[in-house]
Amino acid sequence: MTQRIPSPGTTAARGAAGQDDRPPPARFAYDRHTWNEIAHLLANLPVALLGFTYVVTVFSTGFGLTVTVIGFPLLAAGLVGARQLGRLERARARALLGVRIEEPSRLRMRGGGGFVQRLWMQLRDPVGWRTALYEFIRLPWGVLTFTVTLASLFVLWPVLPFIARGLTNADRAMVRALLSPSDELERRIAELESDRGVVVDTAAADLRRIERDLHDGAQARLVNLAMGLGLAKEKVLEDPDAAAAMVEEAHGEVKLALQELRDLARGIHPAVLTDRGLDAALSSVASRCTVPVKVTVDLPERPAAAIEGIAYFTVSELLQNVSKHSRARSASVDVWRTDTRLLIQVWDDGQGGASLDGGTGMKGLAERLDAVDGLFVLESPEGGPTTVTAELPWRDRSGAAGQGPRDKGLGTRASR
């Protein structure tokens, strides 16, 4: 079972850390904290000079070349470098000033997003831009702190601990303001904007698949059926036996077309899922798997229809992978709820070696789950077994359309 804990990068965690990393009061004695602060202030000038030179050179060149296609990738690369400078500054503040600031989250680049989407996401990186601003304004401050500290070592050394404390408090404020991770809301907005593209692409791919299946399957069969019935109509008087044979053949075509339409409808949204919930729907999917599958559903109530559908299709695709690629002898599906999450675990004793880039659709599943604030974890060592854990946000079904008496009483634990 996956246990989710609060992220240490949240605003509350950072606020608590800000209270814990305060240095002791300044004293006339030169203790370890004072020497660390003096070292930090003297290092401000060379570090600020390096950062200022980098920012001015890279960003002025990038902005100047934005009239061409070269400028935007250069700016994106400059923001990546700015992130690394920010990492070094946080490490220096942590070592010399005791300022404990969590590292910002990495940008969540998506493999299927394309170069333009990746470039745009990098150009909108708030952490990179704030770090570039930090490096740009640090040069005059670095000159000031270096000069004041160096002069005070010889002229004002009795009160230098108090001077150093005042200057480093300004440093601490700048580090917390400009080098801290983005607010949780800011990160969430960026993730949702990126996930929106995945949802749109997934919906478009599903529509193309349905259109292709209708065109190549049921539609072609119905066209042949119409032609056959037309020929039978012409022969019904002159050759009744041949016409009867054609009608019999057309009757078989109707049955096949209906079966294809049922399969297509099941692929869109199976009726058993709407009528009886995940337990019955997953048991139906498991019965079509080529290996024995044990299904265990332990839910106190049915989740929202959208979450239920995503859970169903996730298990369906994973069991298809078990049938096609795993060479397993047995498999199991477990579904349960913990707190505000719906968890799914699919296990098989096959050959293992599955990966998100292995061409088995795992990467697409991970992106779909991520688009709805889900989680996808794959453990598949060579030689097996393979365990896939999927996690979805739980949303109550209360008030959902289509819920009736038959939706109730389905929360018992069942095994197949």
Protein backbone atom coordinates (compact mmCIF):
# COMPACT_ATOMS: atom_id res chain seq x y z
CA MET A 1 0.00 0.00 0.00
CA THR A 2 1.26 3.46 -0.86
CA GLN A 3 1.35 5.93 1.99
CA ARG A 4 1.14 9.60 1.02
CA ILE A 5 2.75 12.14 3.33
CA PRO A 6 2.68 15.92 3.17
CA SER A 7 5.37 17.35 0.96
CA PRO A 8 8.22 19.07 2.82
CA GLY A 9 8.08 21.81 0.19
CA THR A 10 4.64 23.10 1.21
CA THR A 11 4.14 26.60 2.55
CA ALA A 12 3.47 25.35 6.09
CA ALA A 13 6.61 23.25 6.11
CA ARG A 14 8.69 26.15 4.85
CA GLY A 15 7.23 28.41 7.52
CA ALA A 16 8.13 25.94 10.25
CA ALA A 17 11.63 25.58 8.83
CA GLY A 18 12.01 29.37 8.79
CA GLN A 19 11.39 29.42 12.54
CA ASP A 20 13.84 26.61 13.27
CA ASP A 21 16.84 28.00 11.31
CA ARG A 22 17.18 31.26 13.20
CA PRO A 23 20.76 31.74 14.48
CA PRO A 24 21.43 32.48 18.17
CA PRO A 25 21.59 36.14 19.21
CA ALA A 26 24.73 38.00 18.14
CA ARG A 27 27.43 38.48 20.77
CA PHE A 28 30.69 40.36 21.00
CA ALA A 29 32.52 37.04 20.99
CA TYR A 30 33.53 35.59 17.63
CA ASP A 31 31.82 32.20 17.70
CA ARG A 32 31.24 29.70 14.90
CA HIS A 33 28.09 31.43 13.65
CA THR A 34 29.88 34.77 13.40
CA TRP A 35 32.78 33.35 11.38
CA ASN A 36 30.33 31.56 9.06
CA GLU A 37 28.48 34.83 8.49
CA ILE A 38 31.72 36.71 7.80
CA ALA A 39 32.76 34.02 5.31
CA HIS A 40 29.39 34.28 3.60
CA LEU A 41 29.60 38.07 3.32
CA LEU A 42 33.15 37.99 1.93
CA ALA A 43 32.12 35.34 -0.63
CA ASN A 44 29.18 37.45 -1.78
CA LEU A 45 31.27 39.51 -4.20
CA PRO A 46 32.89 36.73 -6.26
CA VAL A 47 29.70 34.65 -6.25
CA ALA A 48 27.55 37.63 -7.19
CA LEU A 49 29.99 38.61 -9.93
CA LEU A 50 29.77 35.12 -11.41
CA GLY A 51 25.96 35.07 -11.27
CA PHE A 52 25.57 38.59 -12.65
CA THR A 53 27.90 37.86 -15.55
CA TYR A 54 26.02 34.68 -16.40
CA VAL A 55 22.58 36.29 -16.27
CA VAL A 56 23.53 39.40 -18.26
CA THR A 57 25.42 37.44 -20.92
CA VAL A 58 22.94 34.62 -21.46
CA PHE A 59 19.71 36.55 -21.14
CA SER A 60 20.76 39.62 -23.09
CA THR A 61 21.90 37.34 -25.91
CA GLY A 62 18.72 35.28 -25.68
CA PHE A 63 16.41 38.30 -25.72
CA GLY A 64 18.38 39.79 -28.58
CA LEU A 65 17.96 36.61 -30.64
CA THR A 66 14.24 36.19 -30.00
CA VAL A 67 13.64 37.65 -33.45
CA THR A 68 15.00 34.32 -34.68
CA VAL A 69 14.19 30.78 -33.60
CA ILE A 70 17.48 30.55 -31.71
CA GLY A 71 16.61 32.99 -28.95
CA PHE A 72 13.86 30.99 -27.23
CA PRO A 73 15.87 27.74 -26.81
CA LEU A 74 18.78 29.87 -25.55
CA LEU A 75 16.53 31.51 -22.95
CA ALA A 76 15.21 28.10 -21.91
CA ALA A 77 18.78 26.81 -21.52
CA GLY A 78 19.62 29.95 -19.54
CA LEU A 79 16.77 29.24 -17.13
CA VAL A 80 18.07 25.70 -16.64
CA GLY A 81 21.47 27.15 -15.77
CA ALA A 82 19.84 29.71 -13.46
CA ARG A 83 18.19 26.84 -11.58
CA GLN A 84 21.64 25.31 -11.01
CA LEU A 85 23.00 28.64 -9.73
CA GLY A 86 20.04 28.78 -7.36
CA ARG A 87 20.88 25.30 -6.12
CA LEU A 88 24.44 26.44 -5.34
CA GLU A 89 23.19 29.58 -3.55
CA ARG A 90 20.78 27.53 -1.42
CA ALA A 91 23.60 25.14 -0.52
CA ARG A 92 25.84 28.10 0.46
CA ALA A 93 23.09 29.66 2.57
CA ARG A 94 22.40 26.29 4.18
CA ALA A 95 26.06 25.70 5.05
CA LEU A 96 27.03 29.21 6.21
CA LEU A 97 23.78 30.85 7.29
CA GLY A 98 21.80 27.84 8.47
CA VAL A 99 18.90 28.71 6.16
CA ARG A 100 17.12 25.46 5.38
CA ILE A 101 15.10 25.81 2.18
CA GLU A 102 13.73 22.82 0.29
CA GLU A 103 14.83 22.35 -3.29
CA PRO A 104 12.18 23.30 -5.86
CA SER A 105 10.37 20.52 -7.67
CA ARG A 106 11.75 19.50 -11.02
CA LEU A 107 9.81 20.51 -14.08
CA ARG A 108 7.55 17.63 -15.12
CA MET A 109 8.51 17.23 -18.76
CA ARG A 110 6.30 14.85 -20.71
CA GLY A 111 7.81 12.62 -23.33
CA GLY A 112 4.81 12.84 -25.63
CA GLY A 113 4.41 16.61 -25.35
CA GLY A 114 6.71 17.57 -28.20
CA PHE A 115 9.59 20.03 -28.38
CA VAL A 116 7.42 23.17 -28.47
CA GLN A 117 5.45 22.20 -25.36
CA ARG A 118 8.64 21.37 -23.47
CA LEU A 119 10.21 24.65 -24.53
CA TRP A 120 7.14 26.64 -23.47
CA MET A 121 7.02 24.90 -20.09
CA GLN A 122 10.69 25.73 -19.51
CA LEU A 123 10.21 29.37 -20.52
CA ARG A 124 7.39 29.70 -17.97
CA ASP A 125 9.48 28.27 -15.13
CA PRO A 126 8.94 30.70 -12.19
CA VAL A 127 11.86 29.23 -10.23
CA GLY A 128 14.31 29.95 -13.06
CA TRP A 129 13.09 33.54 -13.53
CA ARG A 130 13.22 34.34 -9.80
CA THR A 131 16.72 32.91 -9.59
CA ALA A 132 17.80 35.04 -12.55
CA LEU A 133 16.37 38.12 -10.80
CA TYR A 134 18.21 37.14 -7.62
CA GLU A 135 21.54 36.88 -9.45
CA PHE A 136 20.95 40.17 -11.28
CA ILE A 137 20.34 42.28 -8.16
CA ARG A 138 23.09 40.65 -6.10
CA LEU A 139 26.10 42.43 -7.61
CA PRO A 140 25.68 45.82 -5.88
CA TRP A 141 24.76 44.04 -2.67
CA GLY A 142 27.82 41.82 -2.98
CA VAL A 143 30.07 44.85 -3.44
CA LEU A 144 28.53 46.52 -0.40
CA THR A 145 28.75 43.52 1.93
CA PHE A 146 32.31 42.66 0.83
CA THR A 147 33.51 46.23 1.37
CA VAL A 148 31.78 46.75 4.72
CA THR A 149 32.87 43.37 6.11
CA LEU A 150 36.49 43.70 4.97
CA ALA A 151 36.77 47.23 6.39
CA SER A 152 35.09 46.20 9.65
CA LEU A 153 37.62 43.41 10.16
CA PHE A 154 40.28 46.10 10.63
CA VAL A 155 38.33 49.14 11.91
CA LEU A 156 35.13 47.96 13.60
CA TRP A 157 36.08 44.47 14.63
CA PRO A 158 34.62 44.72 18.18
CA VAL A 159 31.11 45.22 16.79
CA LEU A 160 31.58 43.18 13.60
CA PRO A 161 29.38 40.29 14.89
CA PHE A 162 26.43 42.68 15.08
CA ILE A 163 27.19 44.20 11.66
CA ALA A 164 27.54 40.74 10.14
CA ARG A 165 24.26 39.66 11.71
CA GLY A 166 22.41 42.63 10.24
CA LEU A 167 23.85 42.11 6.74
CA THR A 168 23.27 38.35 6.75
CA ASN A 169 19.69 38.83 7.91
CA ALA A 170 19.13 40.78 4.70
CA ASP A 171 20.79 37.87 2.83
CA ARG A 172 18.48 35.42 4.55
CA ALA A 173 15.44 37.47 3.57
CA MET A 174 16.53 37.59 -0.09
CA VAL A 175 17.22 33.84 -0.20
CA ARG A 176 13.83 33.00 1.31
CA ALA A 177 11.98 35.43 -0.94
CA LEU A 178 13.59 34.57 -4.29
CA LEU A 179 15.11 31.10 -3.97
CA SER A 180 12.32 29.25 -2.17
CA PRO A 181 10.16 26.80 -4.12
CA SER A 182 7.10 28.17 -5.84
CA ASP A 183 3.90 28.34 -3.85
CA GLU A 184 1.83 25.18 -3.94
CA LEU A 185 -0.90 26.94 -5.92
CA GLU A 186 1.61 28.16 -8.50
CA ARG A 187 3.00 24.67 -9.00
CA ARG A 188 -0.47 23.20 -9.17
CA ILE A 189 -1.55 25.67 -11.87
CA ALA A 190 1.50 24.77 -13.97
CA GLU A 191 0.76 21.05 -13.58
CA LEU A 192 -2.89 21.48 -14.53
CA GLU A 193 -1.99 23.49 -17.62
CA SER A 194 0.38 20.75 -18.69
CA ASP A 195 -2.11 17.98 -17.86
CA ARG A 196 -4.78 19.69 -19.93
CA GLY A 197 -2.79 18.97 -23.09
CA VAL A 198 -2.54 15.28 -22.15
CA VAL A 199 -6.30 15.05 -21.57
CA VAL A 200 -7.06 16.72 -24.92
CA ASP A 201 -4.63 14.44 -26.78
CA THR A 202 -6.06 11.35 -25.07
CA ALA A 203 -9.63 12.33 -25.94
CA ALA A 204 -8.67 12.98 -29.56
CA ALA A 205 -6.92 9.61 -29.79
CA ASP A 206 -9.97 7.86 -28.36
CA LEU A 207 -12.25 9.57 -30.87
CA ARG A 208 -9.95 8.53 -33.74
CA ARG A 209 -9.95 4.96 -32.45
CA ILE A 210 -13.77 4.85 -32.25
CA GLU A 211 -14.07 6.35 -35.74
CA ARG A 212 -11.59 3.84 -37.14
CA ASP A 213 -13.32 0.90 -35.46
CA LEU A 214 -16.71 2.00 -36.77
CA HIS A 215 -15.39 2.58 -40.29
CA ASP A 216 -13.36 -0.61 -40.57
CA GLY A 217 -15.71 -2.87 -38.61
CA ALA A 218 -19.44 -2.36 -38.21
CA GLN A 219 -19.82 0.16 -41.05
CA ALA A 220 -18.10 -2.06 -43.62
CA ARG A 221 -20.11 -5.05 -42.46
CA LEU A 222 -23.39 -3.11 -42.71
CA VAL A 223 -22.50 -1.96 -46.25
CA ASN A 224 -21.94 -5.59 -47.27
CA LEU A 225 -25.21 -6.49 -45.56
CA ALA A 226 -27.12 -3.85 -47.56
CA MET A 227 -25.59 -5.09 -50.83
CA GLY A 228 -26.45 -8.71 -49.98
CA LEU A 229 -30.04 -7.86 -49.13
CA GLY A 230 -30.32 -5.89 -52.41
CA LEU A 231 -29.18 -8.92 -54.40
CA ALA A 232 -31.55 -11.17 -52.45
CA LYS A 233 -34.43 -8.81 -53.22
CA GLU A 234 -33.70 -9.11 -56.96
CA LYS A 235 -33.57 -12.95 -56.80
CA VAL A 236 -36.55 -13.52 -54.51
CA LEU A 237 -38.91 -14.17 -57.44
CA GLU A 238 -36.66 -15.85 -60.01
CA ASP A 239 -34.57 -17.96 -57.58
CA PRO A 240 -36.19 -18.23 -54.14
CA ASP A 241 -33.66 -20.76 -52.86
CA ALA A 242 -30.69 -18.51 -53.68
CA ALA A 243 -32.50 -15.53 -52.17
CA ALA A 244 -33.16 -17.50 -48.96
CA ALA A 245 -29.48 -18.42 -48.77
CA MET A 246 -28.54 -14.76 -49.17
CA VAL A 247 -31.01 -13.73 -46.46
CA GLU A 248 -29.55 -16.39 -44.16
CA GLU A 249 -26.07 -15.06 -44.84
CA ALA A 250 -27.28 -11.50 -44.19
CA HIS A 251 -28.76 -12.66 -40.89
CA GLY A 252 -25.32 -13.91 -39.86
CA GLU A 253 -23.79 -10.58 -40.89
CA VAL A 254 -26.32 -8.76 -38.69
CA LYS A 255 -25.30 -10.86 -35.70
CA LEU A 256 -21.61 -10.14 -36.32
CA ALA A 257 -22.27 -6.42 -36.74
CA LEU A 258 -24.23 -6.35 -33.48
CA GLN A 259 -21.40 -8.14 -31.68
CA GLU A 260 -18.86 -5.66 -33.03
CA LEU A 261 -21.05 -2.77 -31.91
CA ARG A 262 -21.38 -4.34 -28.45
CA ASP A 263 -17.60 -4.72 -28.22
CA LEU A 264 -17.13 -1.13 -29.32
CA ALA A 265 -19.68 0.11 -26.78
CA ARG A 266 -17.93 -1.95 -24.08
CA GLY A 267 -14.68 -0.22 -25.03
CA ILE A 268 -16.32 3.19 -24.61
CA HIS A 269 -18.10 2.43 -21.35
CA PRO A 270 -19.30 -1.06 -20.46
CA ALA A 271 -22.90 -1.45 -19.34
CA VAL A 272 -21.90 -3.79 -16.51
CA LEU A 273 -19.77 -1.01 -14.99
CA THR A 274 -22.70 1.41 -15.01
CA ASP A 275 -25.16 -1.15 -13.68
CA ARG A 276 -23.14 -3.12 -11.13
CA GLY A 277 -19.90 -1.25 -10.40
CA LEU A 278 -16.22 -2.13 -10.36
CA ASP A 279 -16.53 -5.55 -8.73
CA ALA A 280 -18.65 -7.07 -11.50
CA ALA A 281 -16.94 -5.10 -14.29
CA LEU A 282 -13.43 -6.14 -13.27
CA SER A 283 -14.54 -9.74 -12.82
CA SER A 284 -15.85 -9.63 -16.40
CA VAL A 285 -12.52 -8.28 -17.64
CA ALA A 286 -10.62 -10.92 -15.66
CA SER A 287 -12.71 -13.71 -17.20
CA ARG A 288 -11.42 -12.71 -20.64
CA CYS A 289 -7.76 -12.78 -19.56
CA THR A 290 -5.67 -15.71 -20.79
CA VAL A 291 -4.41 -16.51 -17.25
CA PRO A 292 -6.40 -17.07 -14.04
CA VAL A 293 -6.99 -13.75 -12.28
CA LYS A 294 -8.12 -13.28 -8.69
CA VAL A 295 -10.15 -10.06 -8.30
CA THR A 296 -10.62 -8.52 -4.87
CA VAL A 297 -12.64 -5.31 -4.50
CA ASP A 298 -12.96 -3.76 -1.05
CA LEU A 299 -14.85 -0.48 -1.37
CA PRO A 300 -17.33 0.91 1.16
CA GLU A 301 -19.24 2.60 -1.66
CA ARG A 302 -18.92 3.33 -5.36
CA PRO A 303 -16.71 6.25 -6.38
CA ALA A 304 -17.71 8.93 -8.86
CA ALA A 305 -18.45 7.64 -12.35
CA ALA A 306 -15.39 9.33 -13.89
CA ILE A 307 -12.99 7.80 -11.34
CA GLU A 308 -14.72 4.43 -11.65
CA GLY A 309 -14.29 4.52 -15.43
CA ILE A 310 -10.60 5.40 -15.22
CA ALA A 311 -10.03 2.59 -12.72
CA TYR A 312 -11.83 0.12 -14.98
CA PHE A 313 -9.88 0.99 -18.12
CA THR A 314 -6.59 1.02 -16.20
CA VAL A 315 -7.14 -2.54 -14.98
CA SER A 316 -8.45 -3.59 -18.41
CA GLU A 317 -5.30 -2.40 -20.19
CA LEU A 318 -3.01 -3.88 -17.55
CA LEU A 319 -4.70 -7.27 -17.86
CA GLN A 320 -4.34 -7.05 -21.65
CA ASN A 321 -0.61 -6.58 -21.11
CA VAL A 322 -0.62 -9.62 -18.83
CA SER A 323 -2.28 -11.69 -21.59
CA LYS A 324 0.00 -10.46 -24.38
CA HIS A 325 3.42 -9.93 -22.86
CA SER A 326 3.87 -11.39 -19.37
CA ARG A 327 3.88 -15.19 -19.95
CA ALA A 328 2.37 -15.42 -16.49
CA ARG A 329 0.63 -18.38 -14.89
CA SER A 330 -1.53 -16.34 -12.52
CA ALA A 331 -2.43 -12.77 -11.73
CA SER A 332 -4.40 -10.77 -9.20
CA VAL A 333 -6.25 -7.46 -9.03
CA ASP A 334 -6.84 -5.66 -5.73
CA VAL A 335 -8.89 -2.48 -5.38
CA TRP A 336 -9.37 -0.65 -2.10
CA ARG A 337 -9.80 2.80 -0.63
CA THR A 338 -7.52 4.55 1.85
CA ASP A 339 -8.42 8.02 3.13
CA THR A 340 -9.12 10.13 0.04
CA ARG A 341 -7.48 7.84 -2.50
CA LEU A 342 -8.58 4.84 -4.57
CA LEU A 343 -5.76 2.32 -4.93
CA ILE A 344 -5.42 -0.41 -7.55
CA GLN A 345 -2.76 -3.09 -7.56
CA VAL A 346 -2.30 -5.54 -10.43
CA TRP A 347 0.21 -8.37 -9.90
CA ASP A 348 1.38 -11.22 -12.12
CA ASP A 349 4.07 -13.89 -11.81
CA GLY A 350 5.33 -13.46 -15.37
CA GLN A 351 8.76 -12.80 -16.82
CA GLY A 352 8.93 -9.16 -15.71
CA GLY A 353 11.09 -6.59 -17.45
CA ALA A 354 8.19 -4.22 -18.17
CA SER A 355 8.99 -0.51 -18.39
CA LEU A 356 7.27 2.76 -19.16
CA ASP A 357 9.10 2.87 -22.50
CA GLY A 358 8.57 -0.75 -23.44
CA GLY A 359 5.78 -0.20 -25.95
CA THR A 360 3.10 -1.84 -23.76
CA GLY A 361 1.03 1.30 -23.18
CA MET A 362 2.37 1.79 -19.65
CA LYS A 363 3.55 5.30 -20.42
CA GLY A 364 0.12 6.30 -21.71
CA LEU A 365 -1.50 4.92 -18.57
CA ALA A 366 0.91 6.88 -16.38
CA GLU A 367 0.12 10.10 -18.26
CA ARG A 368 -3.64 9.55 -18.05
CA LEU A 369 -3.49 8.95 -14.31
CA ASP A 370 -1.22 11.92 -13.80
CA ALA A 371 -3.69 14.13 -15.67
CA VAL A 372 -6.32 13.48 -12.96
CA ASP A 373 -3.89 13.88 -10.04
CA GLY A 374 -3.22 10.16 -9.90
CA LEU A 375 -0.08 8.10 -9.39
CA PHE A 376 1.36 5.18 -11.37
CA VAL A 377 4.14 3.00 -9.93
CA LEU A 378 5.65 0.09 -11.87
CA GLU A 379 7.87 -2.57 -10.28
CA SER A 380 8.95 -5.20 -12.78
CA PRO A 381 12.44 -6.69 -12.29
CA GLU A 382 13.81 -9.09 -14.86
CA GLY A 383 12.43 -12.54 -14.11
CA GLY A 384 9.34 -11.11 -12.41
CA PRO A 385 7.03 -10.72 -10.71
CA THR A 386 5.44 -7.51 -11.98
CA THR A 387 3.47 -5.25 -9.64
CA VAL A 388 1.66 -2.15 -10.86
CA THR A 389 0.16 0.20 -8.28
CA ALA A 390 -2.21 2.90 -9.49
CA GLU A 391 -3.62 5.59 -7.27
CA LEU A 392 -6.59 7.86 -8.03
CA PRO A 393 -8.27 10.62 -6.06
CA TRP A 394 -11.47 9.44 -4.40
CA ARG A 395 -14.57 11.40 -5.33
CA ASP A 396 -17.94 10.60 -3.82
CA ARG A 397 -20.71 9.37 -6.05
CA SER A 398 -23.42 11.18 -4.07
CA GLY A 399 -25.50 13.34 -6.37
CA ALA A 400 -24.13 11.69 -9.52
CA ALA A 401 -26.60 11.14 -12.30
CA GLY A 402 -27.80 7.66 -12.91
CA GLN A 403 -27.41 6.35 -9.37
CA GLY A 404 -30.29 4.19 -8.31
CA PRO A 405 -31.13 1.45 -5.83
CA ARG A 406 -29.08 -1.08 -7.75
CA ASP A 407 -25.94 0.98 -7.06
CA LYS A 408 -26.23 0.33 -3.34
CA GLY A 409 -25.07 -2.63 -1.33
CA LEU A 410 -22.01 -3.23 -3.53
CA GLY A 411 -19.41 -2.51 -0.89
CA THR A 412 -18.86 -6.07 0.28
CA ARG A 413 -15.52 -7.70 -0.19
CA ALA A 414 -15.57 -10.24 -3.00
CA SER A 415 -13.00 -12.54 -4.54
CA ARG A 416 -13.09 -14.34 -7.82
